[in-house]
Amino acid sequence: MKLYPQCEAQLQMMAVSPRHQGKGVGSSLLRTLLKDNRISGLAISLSTQREQNIPFYTNLGFQDPVEHTFFGFQSWTMFRPK
């Protein structure tokens, strides 16, 4: 299922060790990735299984979270336009 057909890339997985969370590690890593010339011009989608992550991704330009459930697991898919 592709919720955002206009997306050209997908962030598959990102995690920060709990002891380093809240220190800007994840946002710094993702900002650096999004500025990369190979990615900066692409529309990107991602999914998160934690609703509390939505503001983190919204602050980085991702928008329009869509809630869905697959096999009993709840998640939210978002996209970042070009």
C-alpha atoms as a PDB file:
ATOM      1  CA  MET A   1       0.000   0.000   0.000  1.00  0.00           C
ATOM      2  CA  LYS A   2       1.464   3.337  -1.022  1.00  0.00           C
ATOM      3  CA  LEU A   3      -0.262   6.203   0.785  1.00  0.00           C
ATOM      4  CA  TYR A   4       1.714   8.940  -0.912  1.00  0.00           C
ATOM      5  CA  PRO A   5       2.226   8.113  -4.596  1.00  0.00           C
ATOM      6  CA  GLN A   6       4.100  11.389  -5.136  1.00  0.00           C
ATOM      7  CA  CYS A   7       6.897  10.290  -2.771  1.00  0.00           C
ATOM      8  CA  GLU A   8      10.174   9.265  -4.354  1.00  0.00           C
ATOM      9  CA  ALA A   9      11.961   8.014  -1.240  1.00  0.00           C
ATOM     10  CA  GLN A  10      11.046   6.441   2.077  1.00  0.00           C
ATOM     11  CA  LEU A  11      12.729   6.716   5.459  1.00  0.00           C
ATOM     12  CA  GLN A  12      12.726   3.068   6.522  1.00  0.00           C
ATOM     13  CA  MET A  13      14.154   3.110  10.039  1.00  0.00           C
ATOM     14  CA  MET A  14      15.678   5.550  12.464  1.00  0.00           C
ATOM     15  CA  ALA A  15      16.400   5.064  16.140  1.00  0.00           C
ATOM     16  CA  VAL A  16      18.339   6.856  18.862  1.00  0.00           C
ATOM     17  CA  SER A  17      19.492   5.128  22.013  1.00  0.00           C
ATOM     18  CA  PRO A  18      17.160   6.038  24.904  1.00  0.00           C
ATOM     19  CA  ARG A  19      20.049   7.542  26.884  1.00  0.00           C
ATOM     20  CA  HIS A  20      20.734   9.976  24.003  1.00  0.00           C
ATOM     21  CA  GLN A  21      17.128  10.895  23.217  1.00  0.00           C
ATOM     22  CA  GLY A  22      16.061  14.486  23.783  1.00  0.00           C
ATOM     23  CA  LYS A  23      19.564  15.820  23.113  1.00  0.00           C
ATOM     24  CA  GLY A  24      19.127  16.697  19.440  1.00  0.00           C
ATOM     25  CA  VAL A  25      20.898  13.624  18.075  1.00  0.00           C
ATOM     26  CA  GLY A  26      17.972  12.392  15.970  1.00  0.00           C
ATOM     27  CA  SER A  27      16.975  15.795  14.613  1.00  0.00           C
ATOM     28  CA  SER A  28      20.605  16.609  13.758  1.00  0.00           C
ATOM     29  CA  LEU A  29      21.008  13.304  11.938  1.00  0.00           C
ATOM     30  CA  LEU A  30      17.760  13.692  10.002  1.00  0.00           C
ATOM     31  CA  ARG A  31      18.409  17.366   9.138  1.00  0.00           C
ATOM     32  CA  THR A  32      21.826  16.401   7.759  1.00  0.00           C
ATOM     33  CA  LEU A  33      20.278  13.617   5.698  1.00  0.00           C
ATOM     34  CA  LEU A  34      17.530  15.901   4.343  1.00  0.00           C
ATOM     35  CA  LYS A  35      20.135  18.502   3.263  1.00  0.00           C
ATOM     36  CA  ASP A  36      22.103  15.918   1.278  1.00  0.00           C
ATOM     37  CA  ASN A  37      22.020  16.840  -2.429  1.00  0.00           C
ATOM     38  CA  ARG A  38      20.913  13.326  -3.384  1.00  0.00           C
ATOM     39  CA  ILE A  39      17.824  13.611  -1.144  1.00  0.00           C
ATOM     40  CA  SER A  40      17.039  17.315  -0.700  1.00  0.00           C
ATOM     41  CA  GLY A  41      14.931  17.517  -3.874  1.00  0.00           C
ATOM     42  CA  LEU A  42      12.901  14.369  -3.237  1.00  0.00           C
ATOM     43  CA  ALA A  43       9.473  13.933  -1.683  1.00  0.00           C
ATOM     44  CA  ILE A  44       9.938  11.527   1.251  1.00  0.00           C
ATOM     45  CA  SER A  45       7.512   9.402   3.272  1.00  0.00           C
ATOM     46  CA  LEU A  46       7.931   7.624   6.591  1.00  0.00           C
ATOM     47  CA  SER A  47       5.920   5.631   9.084  1.00  0.00           C
ATOM     48  CA  THR A  48       6.124   5.714  12.856  1.00  0.00           C
ATOM     49  CA  GLN A  49       4.539   3.366  15.345  1.00  0.00           C
ATOM     50  CA  ARG A  50       4.692   5.949  18.124  1.00  0.00           C
ATOM     51  CA  GLU A  51       2.148   8.754  18.072  1.00  0.00           C
ATOM     52  CA  GLN A  52       4.421  10.874  20.279  1.00  0.00           C
ATOM     53  CA  ASN A  53       6.959  10.970  17.392  1.00  0.00           C
ATOM     54  CA  ILE A  54       4.606  12.964  15.145  1.00  0.00           C
ATOM     55  CA  PRO A  55       5.689  16.419  16.494  1.00  0.00           C
ATOM     56  CA  PHE A  56       9.360  15.451  16.015  1.00  0.00           C
ATOM     57  CA  TYR A  57       8.790  14.706  12.322  1.00  0.00           C
ATOM     58  CA  THR A  58       6.426  17.685  11.864  1.00  0.00           C
ATOM     59  CA  ASN A  59       9.214  19.996  13.092  1.00  0.00           C
ATOM     60  CA  LEU A  60      11.415  18.562  10.333  1.00  0.00           C
ATOM     61  CA  GLY A  61       8.919  19.333   7.560  1.00  0.00           C
ATOM     62  CA  PHE A  62       6.889  16.122   7.435  1.00  0.00           C
ATOM     63  CA  GLN A  63       3.135  16.630   7.262  1.00  0.00           C
ATOM     64  CA  ASP A  64      -0.350  15.133   7.100  1.00  0.00           C
ATOM     65  CA  PRO A  65      -0.058  12.097   9.384  1.00  0.00           C
ATOM     66  CA  VAL A  66      -2.412   9.318   8.312  1.00  0.00           C
ATOM     67  CA  GLU A  67      -3.298   6.800  11.004  1.00  0.00           C
ATOM     68  CA  HIS A  68      -3.694   3.156   9.998  1.00  0.00           C
ATOM     69  CA  THR A  69      -3.661  -0.296  11.526  1.00  0.00           C
ATOM     70  CA  PHE A  70      -2.041  -3.382   9.997  1.00  0.00           C
ATOM     71  CA  PHE A  71      -2.338  -6.769  11.665  1.00  0.00           C
ATOM     72  CA  GLY A  72      -3.343  -5.076  14.910  1.00  0.00           C
ATOM     73  CA  PHE A  73      -0.404  -2.621  14.941  1.00  0.00           C
ATOM     74  CA  GLN A  74      -1.200   1.086  14.853  1.00  0.00           C
ATOM     75  CA  SER A  75       1.051   3.446  12.912  1.00  0.00           C
ATOM     76  CA  TRP A  76       1.105   6.875  11.297  1.00  0.00           C
ATOM     77  CA  THR A  77       2.479   7.630   7.845  1.00  0.00           C
ATOM     78  CA  MET A  78       3.674  11.129   6.971  1.00  0.00           C
ATOM     79  CA  PHE A  79       5.323  12.792   4.001  1.00  0.00           C
ATOM     80  CA  ARG A  80       7.713  15.658   3.322  1.00  0.00           C
ATOM     81  CA  PRO A  81       7.109  17.394  -0.007  1.00  0.00           C
ATOM     82  CA  LYS A  82       9.888  18.483  -2.365  1.00  0.00           C
END
